[in-house]
């Protein structure tokens, strides 16, 4: 089974982002029940795992929880899939060669078919969501962290601040003015039904 077969269930969200002209793009996969049902089939799992290097396969299969194994497999598949869609290449996770910047942020140094420019990226997963931030002009290192309300509520005093505004109060020092503005815009566009599983990227 190809990576495309697996990730087609979330291609609609990718397609809208891929059509943008920005050099830095954010993609995500929500691990739905449909995706879980697809991957828990032993045959499908084995075929899908063959798309990634053996060392990664072993590390993933050694994880205790099935949810973690699924997350890490999707982590390994999303970057080459997005590169193929964006640059019209045909690479797999086995083809990728990584370098690391001064502060440990990853970027690609191979294969040659994608090296017209440095591609910087960062991956994160949290509570059923995989996130990928990728910069196709490689002008800067990029970082990504996903958080959910359960994480945030550990740090926020509900008597002193609204949890949806945590970045204005409790965590203000780690966000730039531009990031605060973007978070305001993101949160204001979400309905109440999204709040319990809100994912914030910064």
N, C-alpha and C. Protein backbone atom coordinates (compact mmCIF):
# COMPACT_ATOMS: atom_id res chain seq x y z
N UNK A 1 0.85 -1.19 0.00
CA UNK A 1 0.00 0.00 0.00
C UNK A 1 0.88 1.24 0.00
N UNK A 2 0.55 2.21 -0.83
CA UNK A 2 1.38 3.41 -0.94
C UNK A 2 1.02 4.43 0.14
N UNK A 3 1.97 5.35 0.35
CA UNK A 3 1.71 6.44 1.29
C UNK A 3 0.49 7.23 0.85
N UNK A 4 0.35 7.42 -0.46
CA UNK A 4 -0.79 8.18 -0.96
C UNK A 4 -2.11 7.52 -0.58
N UNK A 5 -2.15 6.19 -0.66
CA UNK A 5 -3.37 5.47 -0.27
C UNK A 5 -3.73 5.75 1.19
N UNK A 6 -2.70 5.78 2.05
CA UNK A 6 -2.93 6.01 3.47
C UNK A 6 -3.34 7.46 3.72
N UNK A 7 -2.64 8.40 3.09
CA UNK A 7 -2.86 9.81 3.40
C UNK A 7 -3.97 10.45 2.58
N UNK A 8 -4.54 9.71 1.64
CA UNK A 8 -5.65 10.27 0.86
C UNK A 8 -6.83 10.65 1.76
N UNK A 9 -6.96 10.01 2.90
CA UNK A 9 -8.07 10.33 3.81
C UNK A 9 -7.97 11.75 4.35
N UNK A 10 -6.77 12.34 4.31
CA UNK A 10 -6.62 13.72 4.80
C UNK A 10 -6.10 14.65 3.72
N UNK A 11 -6.22 14.23 2.44
CA UNK A 11 -5.64 15.03 1.37
C UNK A 11 -6.33 16.38 1.19
N UNK A 12 -7.62 16.46 1.48
CA UNK A 12 -8.33 17.73 1.28
C UNK A 12 -7.68 18.87 2.05
N UNK A 13 -7.26 18.59 3.30
CA UNK A 13 -6.63 19.65 4.09
C UNK A 13 -5.26 19.99 3.53
N UNK A 14 -4.55 19.00 2.97
CA UNK A 14 -3.25 19.26 2.36
C UNK A 14 -3.40 20.11 1.10
N UNK A 15 -4.40 19.76 0.29
CA UNK A 15 -4.55 20.38 -1.02
C UNK A 15 -4.71 21.89 -0.92
N UNK A 16 -5.50 22.35 0.04
CA UNK A 16 -5.71 23.79 0.21
C UNK A 16 -4.41 24.49 0.58
N UNK A 17 -3.61 23.83 1.42
CA UNK A 17 -2.34 24.44 1.84
C UNK A 17 -1.32 24.40 0.71
N UNK A 18 -1.26 23.31 -0.03
CA UNK A 18 -0.29 23.18 -1.11
C UNK A 18 -0.50 24.22 -2.21
N UNK A 19 -1.71 24.69 -2.36
CA UNK A 19 -2.01 25.67 -3.40
C UNK A 19 -1.53 27.07 -3.05
N UNK A 20 -1.13 27.28 -1.80
CA UNK A 20 -0.65 28.60 -1.38
C UNK A 20 0.75 28.85 -1.94
N UNK A 21 1.06 30.14 -2.11
CA UNK A 21 2.36 30.50 -2.69
C UNK A 21 3.42 30.81 -1.63
N UNK A 22 3.05 30.78 -0.35
CA UNK A 22 4.04 31.04 0.71
C UNK A 22 5.12 29.97 0.69
N UNK A 23 6.32 30.36 1.11
CA UNK A 23 7.40 29.37 1.16
C UNK A 23 7.32 28.51 2.42
N UNK A 24 6.67 29.03 3.47
CA UNK A 24 6.52 28.27 4.71
C UNK A 24 5.07 27.83 4.86
N UNK A 25 4.87 26.52 4.98
CA UNK A 25 3.52 25.97 5.00
C UNK A 25 3.34 25.03 6.19
N UNK A 26 2.12 25.00 6.74
CA UNK A 26 1.78 24.12 7.86
C UNK A 26 0.76 23.09 7.40
N UNK A 27 1.04 21.83 7.70
CA UNK A 27 0.15 20.73 7.37
C UNK A 27 -0.17 19.95 8.63
N UNK A 28 -1.32 19.32 8.65
CA UNK A 28 -1.63 18.47 9.80
C UNK A 28 -2.44 17.27 9.36
N UNK A 29 -2.33 16.21 10.17
CA UNK A 29 -3.15 15.02 10.00
C UNK A 29 -3.89 14.80 11.31
N UNK A 30 -5.19 14.72 11.26
CA UNK A 30 -5.95 14.31 12.43
C UNK A 30 -6.15 12.80 12.34
N UNK A 31 -5.72 12.09 13.36
CA UNK A 31 -5.79 10.63 13.33
C UNK A 31 -7.21 10.20 13.67
N UNK A 32 -8.00 10.08 12.63
CA UNK A 32 -9.42 9.73 12.77
C UNK A 32 -9.58 8.23 12.99
N UNK A 33 -10.77 7.82 13.34
CA UNK A 33 -11.05 6.39 13.49
C UNK A 33 -10.87 5.67 12.16
N UNK A 34 -11.24 6.34 11.08
CA UNK A 34 -11.08 5.75 9.74
C UNK A 34 -9.60 5.43 9.46
N UNK A 35 -8.73 6.36 9.83
CA UNK A 35 -7.30 6.16 9.62
C UNK A 35 -6.76 5.05 10.52
N UNK A 36 -7.23 5.02 11.77
CA UNK A 36 -6.83 3.95 12.69
C UNK A 36 -7.26 2.59 12.16
N UNK A 37 -8.52 2.50 11.71
CA UNK A 37 -9.03 1.23 11.20
C UNK A 37 -8.22 0.74 10.01
N UNK A 38 -7.77 1.68 9.18
CA UNK A 38 -6.97 1.33 8.02
C UNK A 38 -5.62 0.76 8.44
N UNK A 39 -5.00 1.37 9.45
CA UNK A 39 -3.64 1.01 9.82
C UNK A 39 -3.54 -0.17 10.79
N UNK A 40 -4.62 -0.50 11.48
CA UNK A 40 -4.52 -1.62 12.43
C UNK A 40 -4.62 -2.98 11.71
N UNK A 41 -4.99 -2.96 10.44
CA UNK A 41 -4.95 -4.19 9.66
C UNK A 41 -3.49 -4.60 9.49
N UNK A 42 -3.14 -5.82 9.86
CA UNK A 42 -1.74 -6.27 9.85
C UNK A 42 -1.10 -6.17 8.47
N UNK A 43 -1.84 -6.55 7.44
CA UNK A 43 -1.29 -6.51 6.09
C UNK A 43 -1.00 -5.08 5.64
N UNK A 44 -1.96 -4.20 5.88
CA UNK A 44 -1.79 -2.79 5.53
C UNK A 44 -0.63 -2.17 6.30
N UNK A 45 -0.55 -2.49 7.59
CA UNK A 45 0.53 -1.97 8.43
C UNK A 45 1.90 -2.39 7.86
N UNK A 46 2.04 -3.64 7.54
CA UNK A 46 3.33 -4.15 7.05
C UNK A 46 3.72 -3.49 5.73
N UNK A 47 2.77 -3.38 4.81
CA UNK A 47 3.06 -2.74 3.51
C UNK A 47 3.43 -1.27 3.69
N UNK A 48 2.73 -0.59 4.59
CA UNK A 48 2.99 0.83 4.81
C UNK A 48 4.35 1.05 5.46
N UNK A 49 4.69 0.18 6.40
CA UNK A 49 5.98 0.30 7.08
C UNK A 49 7.15 0.15 6.12
N UNK A 50 6.95 -0.55 5.02
CA UNK A 50 8.03 -0.76 4.06
C UNK A 50 8.44 0.53 3.34
N UNK A 51 7.65 1.59 3.52
CA UNK A 51 7.98 2.89 2.93
C UNK A 51 9.03 3.65 3.73
N UNK A 52 9.38 3.17 4.92
CA UNK A 52 10.32 3.91 5.76
C UNK A 52 11.54 3.04 6.06
N UNK A 53 12.67 3.66 6.45
CA UNK A 53 13.89 2.90 6.71
C UNK A 53 13.70 1.86 7.82
N UNK A 54 14.48 0.77 7.72
CA UNK A 54 14.37 -0.33 8.67
C UNK A 54 14.60 0.13 10.11
N UNK A 55 15.56 1.01 10.32
CA UNK A 55 15.83 1.50 11.67
C UNK A 55 14.59 2.17 12.27
N UNK A 56 13.89 2.96 11.46
CA UNK A 56 12.66 3.60 11.92
C UNK A 56 11.56 2.57 12.17
N UNK A 57 11.48 1.58 11.31
CA UNK A 57 10.48 0.52 11.50
C UNK A 57 10.66 -0.16 12.85
N UNK A 58 11.91 -0.49 13.17
CA UNK A 58 12.19 -1.17 14.43
C UNK A 58 11.82 -0.29 15.62
N UNK A 59 12.18 0.99 15.54
CA UNK A 59 11.87 1.92 16.64
C UNK A 59 10.36 2.04 16.84
N UNK A 60 9.62 2.13 15.74
CA UNK A 60 8.17 2.26 15.83
C UNK A 60 7.54 0.99 16.40
N UNK A 61 7.96 -0.16 15.91
CA UNK A 61 7.38 -1.42 16.39
C UNK A 61 7.69 -1.70 17.85
N UNK A 62 8.73 -1.06 18.38
CA UNK A 62 9.09 -1.24 19.79
C UNK A 62 8.29 -0.35 20.74
N UNK A 63 7.50 0.58 20.19
CA UNK A 63 6.68 1.44 21.04
C UNK A 63 5.57 0.62 21.69
N UNK A 64 5.26 0.93 22.92
CA UNK A 64 4.31 0.12 23.70
C UNK A 64 2.88 0.27 23.21
N UNK A 65 2.46 1.52 22.92
CA UNK A 65 1.06 1.77 22.62
C UNK A 65 0.81 1.89 21.12
N UNK A 66 -0.30 1.31 20.68
CA UNK A 66 -0.65 1.36 19.27
C UNK A 66 -0.81 2.80 18.78
N UNK A 67 -1.40 3.66 19.61
CA UNK A 67 -1.60 5.05 19.20
C UNK A 67 -0.26 5.74 18.92
N UNK A 68 0.76 5.43 19.72
CA UNK A 68 2.08 6.01 19.49
C UNK A 68 2.71 5.45 18.22
N UNK A 69 2.51 4.16 17.96
CA UNK A 69 3.06 3.56 16.75
C UNK A 69 2.45 4.20 15.50
N UNK A 70 1.15 4.42 15.54
CA UNK A 70 0.47 5.05 14.40
C UNK A 70 0.97 6.48 14.20
N UNK A 71 1.09 7.24 15.30
CA UNK A 71 1.57 8.62 15.20
C UNK A 71 2.95 8.70 14.59
N UNK A 72 3.85 7.84 15.05
CA UNK A 72 5.23 7.89 14.56
C UNK A 72 5.34 7.43 13.11
N UNK A 73 4.51 6.48 12.71
CA UNK A 73 4.51 6.08 11.31
C UNK A 73 4.04 7.22 10.42
N UNK A 74 2.97 7.89 10.81
CA UNK A 74 2.47 9.02 10.03
C UNK A 74 3.48 10.16 10.02
N UNK A 75 4.18 10.34 11.15
CA UNK A 75 5.26 11.33 11.20
C UNK A 75 6.28 11.07 10.10
N UNK A 76 6.63 9.80 9.93
CA UNK A 76 7.66 9.43 8.95
C UNK A 76 7.16 9.57 7.51
N UNK A 77 5.86 9.45 7.30
CA UNK A 77 5.31 9.47 5.95
C UNK A 77 4.98 10.85 5.42
N UNK A 78 4.64 11.78 6.30
CA UNK A 78 4.05 13.04 5.84
C UNK A 78 5.04 13.92 5.07
N UNK A 79 6.31 14.01 5.52
CA UNK A 79 7.24 14.91 4.85
C UNK A 79 7.51 14.51 3.40
N UNK A 80 7.90 13.25 3.11
CA UNK A 80 8.11 12.91 1.69
C UNK A 80 6.84 13.03 0.86
N UNK A 81 5.69 12.75 1.47
CA UNK A 81 4.43 12.90 0.74
C UNK A 81 4.20 14.34 0.32
N UNK A 82 4.40 15.27 1.25
CA UNK A 82 4.20 16.69 0.96
C UNK A 82 5.22 17.18 -0.07
N UNK A 83 6.48 16.75 0.06
CA UNK A 83 7.50 17.14 -0.92
C UNK A 83 7.11 16.65 -2.32
N UNK A 84 6.64 15.41 -2.41
CA UNK A 84 6.22 14.88 -3.71
C UNK A 84 5.08 15.70 -4.30
N UNK A 85 4.12 16.07 -3.47
CA UNK A 85 2.98 16.86 -3.95
C UNK A 85 3.41 18.25 -4.41
N UNK A 86 4.30 18.86 -3.64
CA UNK A 86 4.70 20.24 -3.90
C UNK A 86 5.70 20.33 -5.05
N UNK A 87 6.68 19.44 -5.08
CA UNK A 87 7.76 19.55 -6.05
C UNK A 87 7.63 18.55 -7.20
N UNK A 88 6.55 17.77 -7.23
CA UNK A 88 6.30 16.79 -8.30
C UNK A 88 7.45 15.78 -8.43
N UNK A 89 7.92 15.30 -7.26
CA UNK A 89 8.96 14.28 -7.23
C UNK A 89 8.32 12.94 -6.87
N UNK A 90 9.13 11.92 -6.72
CA UNK A 90 8.61 10.60 -6.38
C UNK A 90 9.57 9.92 -5.39
N UNK A 91 9.72 10.53 -4.21
CA UNK A 91 10.65 10.01 -3.22
C UNK A 91 9.88 9.32 -2.09
N UNK A 92 10.60 8.55 -1.30
CA UNK A 92 10.03 7.93 -0.11
C UNK A 92 10.85 8.38 1.10
N UNK A 93 10.39 8.00 2.27
CA UNK A 93 11.12 8.34 3.50
C UNK A 93 12.52 7.74 3.49
N UNK A 94 12.70 6.64 2.76
CA UNK A 94 14.01 6.00 2.69
C UNK A 94 15.03 6.85 1.93
N UNK A 95 14.56 7.77 1.09
CA UNK A 95 15.45 8.59 0.27
C UNK A 95 15.96 9.83 1.00
N UNK A 96 15.31 10.21 2.08
CA UNK A 96 15.63 11.48 2.74
C UNK A 96 16.94 11.40 3.51
N UNK A 97 17.74 12.46 3.36
CA UNK A 97 19.00 12.59 4.10
C UNK A 97 18.92 13.89 4.89
N UNK A 98 19.18 13.80 6.19
CA UNK A 98 18.95 14.94 7.08
C UNK A 98 20.25 15.60 7.52
N UNK A 99 20.16 16.92 7.70
CA UNK A 99 21.18 17.68 8.39
C UNK A 99 20.51 18.41 9.54
N UNK A 100 21.30 19.04 10.41
CA UNK A 100 20.75 19.78 11.54
C UNK A 100 21.44 21.12 11.69
N UNK A 101 20.66 22.16 11.97
CA UNK A 101 21.19 23.50 12.14
C UNK A 101 21.87 23.67 13.48
N UNK A 102 22.30 24.90 13.73
CA UNK A 102 23.04 25.23 14.95
C UNK A 102 22.28 24.84 16.21
N UNK A 103 20.96 24.99 16.19
CA UNK A 103 20.15 24.70 17.38
C UNK A 103 19.42 23.37 17.27
N UNK A 104 19.88 22.49 16.39
CA UNK A 104 19.32 21.15 16.28
C UNK A 104 18.11 21.01 15.39
N UNK A 105 17.70 22.10 14.72
CA UNK A 105 16.52 22.02 13.85
C UNK A 105 16.89 21.28 12.56
N UNK A 106 16.03 20.36 12.11
CA UNK A 106 16.38 19.54 10.94
C UNK A 106 16.15 20.26 9.61
N UNK A 107 16.92 19.86 8.61
CA UNK A 107 16.69 20.26 7.24
C UNK A 107 17.16 19.11 6.34
N UNK A 108 16.77 19.17 5.07
CA UNK A 108 17.13 18.10 4.15
C UNK A 108 18.43 18.42 3.42
N UNK A 109 19.29 17.42 3.29
CA UNK A 109 20.50 17.57 2.48
C UNK A 109 20.47 16.57 1.31
N UNK A 110 19.42 15.85 1.16
CA UNK A 110 19.28 14.90 0.05
C UNK A 110 17.88 14.31 0.09
N UNK A 111 17.45 13.73 -1.02
CA UNK A 111 18.19 13.42 -2.25
C UNK A 111 18.36 14.63 -3.17
N UNK A 112 19.15 14.46 -4.20
CA UNK A 112 19.49 15.57 -5.08
C UNK A 112 18.29 16.16 -5.79
N UNK A 113 17.26 15.35 -6.05
CA UNK A 113 16.10 15.84 -6.80
C UNK A 113 15.31 16.90 -6.04
N UNK A 114 15.51 17.03 -4.73
CA UNK A 114 14.79 18.05 -3.97
C UNK A 114 15.72 19.15 -3.45
N UNK A 115 16.96 19.15 -3.92
CA UNK A 115 17.95 20.05 -3.33
C UNK A 115 18.24 21.29 -4.17
N UNK A 116 17.26 21.72 -4.97
CA UNK A 116 17.43 23.00 -5.65
C UNK A 116 17.55 24.11 -4.60
N UNK A 117 16.99 23.84 -3.43
CA UNK A 117 17.06 24.78 -2.31
C UNK A 117 17.02 23.98 -1.02
N UNK A 118 17.48 24.59 0.05
CA UNK A 118 17.43 23.94 1.36
C UNK A 118 15.97 23.87 1.84
N UNK A 119 15.53 22.71 2.26
CA UNK A 119 14.18 22.54 2.80
C UNK A 119 14.29 22.35 4.31
N UNK A 120 13.79 23.32 5.06
CA UNK A 120 13.77 23.23 6.52
C UNK A 120 12.39 22.74 6.95
N UNK A 121 12.35 21.99 8.05
CA UNK A 121 11.05 21.47 8.49
C UNK A 121 11.11 21.15 9.98
N UNK A 122 9.95 20.95 10.56
CA UNK A 122 9.85 20.47 11.93
C UNK A 122 8.54 19.73 12.07
N UNK A 123 8.57 18.64 12.83
CA UNK A 123 7.39 17.79 13.05
C UNK A 123 7.04 17.76 14.52
N UNK A 124 5.76 17.63 14.81
CA UNK A 124 5.31 17.47 16.19
C UNK A 124 4.02 16.66 16.17
N UNK A 125 3.80 15.89 17.22
CA UNK A 125 2.51 15.20 17.34
C UNK A 125 2.00 15.34 18.76
N UNK A 126 0.69 15.41 18.88
CA UNK A 126 0.08 15.64 20.19
C UNK A 126 -1.37 15.20 20.16
N UNK A 127 -1.71 14.24 20.99
CA UNK A 127 -3.10 13.87 21.24
C UNK A 127 -3.90 13.66 19.95
N UNK A 128 -3.38 12.81 19.05
CA UNK A 128 -4.13 12.46 17.86
C UNK A 128 -3.98 13.39 16.68
N UNK A 129 -3.01 14.29 16.72
CA UNK A 129 -2.76 15.19 15.59
C UNK A 129 -1.26 15.18 15.28
N UNK A 130 -0.94 15.07 13.99
CA UNK A 130 0.44 15.18 13.51
C UNK A 130 0.56 16.54 12.83
N UNK A 131 1.59 17.30 13.15
CA UNK A 131 1.81 18.60 12.51
C UNK A 131 3.16 18.64 11.80
N UNK A 132 3.18 19.26 10.64
CA UNK A 132 4.42 19.46 9.88
C UNK A 132 4.50 20.91 9.45
N UNK A 133 5.59 21.57 9.80
CA UNK A 133 5.89 22.91 9.32
C UNK A 133 7.09 22.78 8.39
N UNK A 134 6.93 23.22 7.16
CA UNK A 134 8.01 23.05 6.18
C UNK A 134 8.25 24.36 5.44
N UNK A 135 9.52 24.68 5.28
CA UNK A 135 9.91 25.90 4.57
C UNK A 135 10.67 25.50 3.31
N UNK A 136 10.10 25.80 2.17
CA UNK A 136 10.64 25.32 0.91
C UNK A 136 11.77 26.19 0.37
N UNK A 137 11.98 27.38 0.94
CA UNK A 137 13.14 28.16 0.47
C UNK A 137 14.32 28.05 1.45
N UNK A 138 14.11 27.39 2.59
CA UNK A 138 15.19 27.11 3.52
C UNK A 138 15.90 28.32 4.07
N UNK A 139 15.25 29.48 4.06
CA UNK A 139 15.94 30.70 4.50
C UNK A 139 16.16 30.73 6.00
N UNK A 140 15.36 30.00 6.77
CA UNK A 140 15.49 29.98 8.22
C UNK A 140 15.24 28.57 8.74
N UNK A 141 15.78 28.28 9.93
CA UNK A 141 15.34 27.09 10.64
C UNK A 141 13.92 27.33 11.12
N UNK A 142 13.11 26.29 11.19
CA UNK A 142 11.73 26.44 11.67
C UNK A 142 11.49 25.48 12.82
N UNK A 143 10.61 25.87 13.71
CA UNK A 143 10.26 25.04 14.86
C UNK A 143 8.76 24.92 14.98
N UNK A 144 8.31 23.82 15.53
CA UNK A 144 6.87 23.57 15.70
C UNK A 144 6.64 22.83 17.00
N UNK A 145 5.63 23.24 17.73
CA UNK A 145 5.21 22.49 18.91
C UNK A 145 3.70 22.50 18.93
N UNK A 146 3.10 21.37 19.19
CA UNK A 146 1.65 21.27 19.30
C UNK A 146 1.27 21.17 20.76
N UNK A 147 0.17 21.80 21.11
CA UNK A 147 -0.33 21.73 22.49
C UNK A 147 -1.83 21.56 22.44
N UNK A 148 -2.40 21.03 23.51
CA UNK A 148 -3.85 20.96 23.61
C UNK A 148 -4.28 21.51 24.96
N UNK A 149 -5.59 21.62 25.14
CA UNK A 149 -6.08 22.26 26.36
C UNK A 149 -5.63 21.55 27.62
N UNK A 150 -5.49 20.22 27.56
CA UNK A 150 -5.09 19.50 28.76
C UNK A 150 -3.69 19.92 29.21
N UNK A 151 -2.81 20.16 28.24
CA UNK A 151 -1.47 20.64 28.58
C UNK A 151 -1.52 22.04 29.16
N UNK A 152 -2.27 22.90 28.48
CA UNK A 152 -2.32 24.31 28.87
C UNK A 152 -2.94 24.47 30.26
N UNK A 153 -3.97 23.69 30.55
CA UNK A 153 -4.68 23.82 31.82
C UNK A 153 -3.79 23.48 33.02
N UNK A 154 -2.72 22.73 32.79
CA UNK A 154 -1.79 22.43 33.87
C UNK A 154 -1.08 23.68 34.37
N UNK A 155 -0.96 24.67 33.49
CA UNK A 155 -0.18 25.86 33.81
C UNK A 155 -1.03 27.09 34.09
N UNK A 156 -2.29 27.06 33.64
CA UNK A 156 -3.13 28.25 33.71
C UNK A 156 -4.05 28.18 34.93
N UNK A 157 -4.11 29.26 35.68
CA UNK A 157 -5.03 29.38 36.81
C UNK A 157 -6.36 29.88 36.27
N UNK A 158 -7.41 29.04 36.25
CA UNK A 158 -8.68 29.46 35.65
C UNK A 158 -9.34 30.63 36.37
N UNK A 159 -8.95 30.88 37.64
CA UNK A 159 -9.52 32.01 38.37
C UNK A 159 -8.88 33.33 37.94
N UNK A 160 -7.71 33.24 37.31
CA UNK A 160 -6.98 34.47 36.95
C UNK A 160 -6.98 34.76 35.45
N UNK A 161 -7.14 33.72 34.63
CA UNK A 161 -7.09 33.95 33.19
C UNK A 161 -7.95 32.94 32.45
N UNK A 162 -8.50 33.39 31.33
CA UNK A 162 -9.28 32.53 30.44
C UNK A 162 -8.30 31.62 29.72
N UNK A 163 -8.56 30.31 29.74
CA UNK A 163 -7.62 29.36 29.14
C UNK A 163 -7.41 29.64 27.65
N UNK A 164 -8.42 30.16 26.96
CA UNK A 164 -8.26 30.45 25.54
C UNK A 164 -7.35 31.65 25.29
N UNK A 165 -7.03 32.38 26.34
CA UNK A 165 -6.15 33.54 26.21
C UNK A 165 -4.81 33.34 26.93
N UNK A 166 -4.43 32.06 27.11
CA UNK A 166 -3.24 31.75 27.89
C UNK A 166 -1.99 32.42 27.34
N UNK A 167 -1.94 32.62 26.02
CA UNK A 167 -0.74 33.19 25.41
C UNK A 167 -0.66 34.71 25.61
N UNK A 168 -1.75 35.33 26.05
CA UNK A 168 -1.72 36.75 26.39
C UNK A 168 -1.22 36.97 27.82
N UNK A 169 -1.32 35.92 28.64
CA UNK A 169 -1.01 36.09 30.06
C UNK A 169 0.13 35.19 30.49
N UNK A 170 -0.17 33.93 30.72
CA UNK A 170 0.80 33.02 31.31
C UNK A 170 2.03 32.76 30.46
N UNK A 171 1.87 32.76 29.12
CA UNK A 171 2.98 32.41 28.23
C UNK A 171 3.36 33.56 27.30
N UNK A 172 3.00 34.78 27.66
CA UNK A 172 3.21 35.91 26.74
C UNK A 172 4.66 36.08 26.31
N UNK A 173 5.60 35.79 27.20
CA UNK A 173 7.01 36.06 26.91
C UNK A 173 7.58 35.19 25.79
N UNK A 174 6.95 34.06 25.50
CA UNK A 174 7.53 33.19 24.46
C UNK A 174 6.94 33.46 23.07
N UNK A 175 5.96 34.37 22.98
CA UNK A 175 5.36 34.67 21.69
C UNK A 175 5.73 36.08 21.23
N UNK A 176 5.98 36.21 19.93
CA UNK A 176 6.19 37.54 19.35
C UNK A 176 4.83 38.21 19.14
N UNK A 177 4.84 39.52 18.84
CA UNK A 177 3.58 40.24 18.57
C UNK A 177 2.86 39.64 17.37
N UNK A 178 3.63 39.24 16.36
CA UNK A 178 3.04 38.64 15.16
C UNK A 178 2.36 37.32 15.50
N UNK A 179 3.02 36.49 16.33
CA UNK A 179 2.44 35.21 16.72
C UNK A 179 1.16 35.40 17.53
N UNK A 180 1.15 36.37 18.43
CA UNK A 180 -0.06 36.65 19.22
C UNK A 180 -1.21 37.04 18.29
N UNK A 181 -0.91 37.88 17.31
CA UNK A 181 -1.94 38.29 16.35
C UNK A 181 -2.48 37.10 15.57
N UNK A 182 -1.57 36.21 15.14
CA UNK A 182 -2.00 35.03 14.38
C UNK A 182 -2.82 34.07 15.24
N UNK A 183 -2.43 33.92 16.50
CA UNK A 183 -3.20 33.07 17.41
C UNK A 183 -4.59 33.65 17.66
N UNK A 184 -4.67 34.96 17.82
CA UNK A 184 -5.97 35.61 17.99
C UNK A 184 -6.88 35.29 16.80
N UNK A 185 -6.32 35.42 15.60
CA UNK A 185 -7.10 35.19 14.39
C UNK A 185 -7.54 33.73 14.29
N UNK A 186 -6.62 32.81 14.63
CA UNK A 186 -6.93 31.39 14.56
C UNK A 186 -8.06 31.01 15.52
N UNK A 187 -7.94 31.46 16.76
CA UNK A 187 -8.92 31.08 17.78
C UNK A 187 -10.27 31.73 17.53
N UNK A 188 -10.26 32.97 17.05
CA UNK A 188 -11.54 33.65 16.81
C UNK A 188 -12.33 32.99 15.69
N UNK A 189 -11.65 32.27 14.80
CA UNK A 189 -12.33 31.61 13.70
C UNK A 189 -12.81 30.21 14.02
N UNK A 190 -12.60 29.76 15.25
CA UNK A 190 -13.00 28.40 15.63
C UNK A 190 -14.31 28.44 16.40
N UNK A 191 -15.15 27.48 16.11
CA UNK A 191 -16.40 27.36 16.85
C UNK A 191 -16.16 26.71 18.20
N UNK A 192 -17.17 26.77 19.06
CA UNK A 192 -17.03 26.21 20.41
C UNK A 192 -16.77 24.71 20.39
N UNK A 193 -17.27 24.03 19.36
CA UNK A 193 -17.08 22.58 19.31
C UNK A 193 -15.61 22.21 19.09
N UNK A 194 -14.81 23.15 18.58
CA UNK A 194 -13.39 22.87 18.35
C UNK A 194 -12.55 23.07 19.59
N UNK A 195 -13.03 23.83 20.55
CA UNK A 195 -12.21 24.21 21.69
C UNK A 195 -11.62 23.03 22.45
N UNK A 196 -12.38 21.96 22.74
CA UNK A 196 -11.79 20.87 23.51
C UNK A 196 -10.60 20.21 22.84
N UNK A 197 -10.53 20.27 21.52
CA UNK A 197 -9.38 19.62 20.86
C UNK A 197 -8.54 20.63 20.08
N UNK A 198 -8.58 21.87 20.54
CA UNK A 198 -7.80 22.91 19.88
C UNK A 198 -6.33 22.55 19.87
N UNK A 199 -5.70 22.69 18.73
CA UNK A 199 -4.27 22.52 18.62
C UNK A 199 -3.65 23.86 18.24
N UNK A 200 -2.71 24.30 18.99
CA UNK A 200 -2.04 25.56 18.74
C UNK A 200 -0.62 25.27 18.25
N UNK A 201 -0.20 25.95 17.23
CA UNK A 201 1.18 25.76 16.77
C UNK A 201 1.91 27.09 16.89
N UNK A 202 3.16 27.00 17.31
CA UNK A 202 3.97 28.21 17.46
C UNK A 202 5.43 27.88 17.25
